[in-house]
Amino acid sequence: MNKGRILALLSICSFLTMSFVLQAKTTQIFMAGDSTMSIKDPKDYPETGWGVPFATFFDESVEVINLAKNGRSTRTFISEGLWQQIEDNVKAEDTVFIQFGHNDQSEHKKDRYTTPEEYEANLLKMINISQKKEANVVLMTPISRRHFDEDGSLRWTHPYADIVRKIAKNNESVTFIDMEKLTHDYIVALGEKDSALRFMHIQPDLHPNYPYGVRDNTHLNRLGARELAQIVLTELKKKQHPVTTQLRKPDPKHLKLSY
């Protein structure tokens, strides 16, 4: 075998070895949830799930796998095989985000409704499977809806959120983020006018996807999604979660204030 061929084979072996090492070091973040977290079809833009900007916060050692889907409850997320994809691929030191509730509590929508007992059992199943795989679990209450009463107070619209709080209280190894409380406070602080700028409020004849306009107080636009993703990251930093050690390094030019 000539010297050139030997060098070529050594280069290939080196490349394959390096690829294997890089692959082995990849941390996976799995996202299980509903429309408030999910990736959208272009026909739904500018509706944006908070999981979309959240995925951009990490460096190349992290792969974010967002399996959240519009309209899914814990029951349908499992029955449609979405959870199975996480169960089959999650490994030690990965992180699984779990956030459901909007659709589980919808009694009038029989295709997705989940009883409180089923909701709790489904969440516990997801947590237990993830922990058996030695993955980190981030359990979250659903984000607040933007429903103001006539007196200007913001309603609490998630009766299932207390089930999540109870589960988190009984499982100290779970990282718990009370997104209902955090987003409730966030919306109240913004007020009715400014909070509308973060949700799907579009006047008629302004956007091709919504020719008749839209007034949606559940789903976020890109601004709202980014700000909620930042809230999640802030909470993870406070709790010193392992994934916060794998954040993207800022470009040096972004370290200077500009006006």
Foldseek 3Di string as FASTA:
>chain_A
DDPVVVVVVVVVVVVVVVVVVLVVQAAEEEEEEAQLAADDDPLPPLFDHLVVLLQQFFDPSYDYHYLYYHLAALVCCVVVCVLVVCLVDAAAAHEYEHEHFPNCCPPVPVVHHNDLVRNLVSVVVSVVSCVVRNYAYEYEYHAFFQDADPVQQGDQDGPSSVSSVVVCVVDVRHHYDHNNVVNSVVDSVCGDPRSQVFAQFFPAPPDPSCNRTDRGRRTTGPVNSNVSSVVVLVSCVVVVPVRVVRTDDDDVVVVDDDD
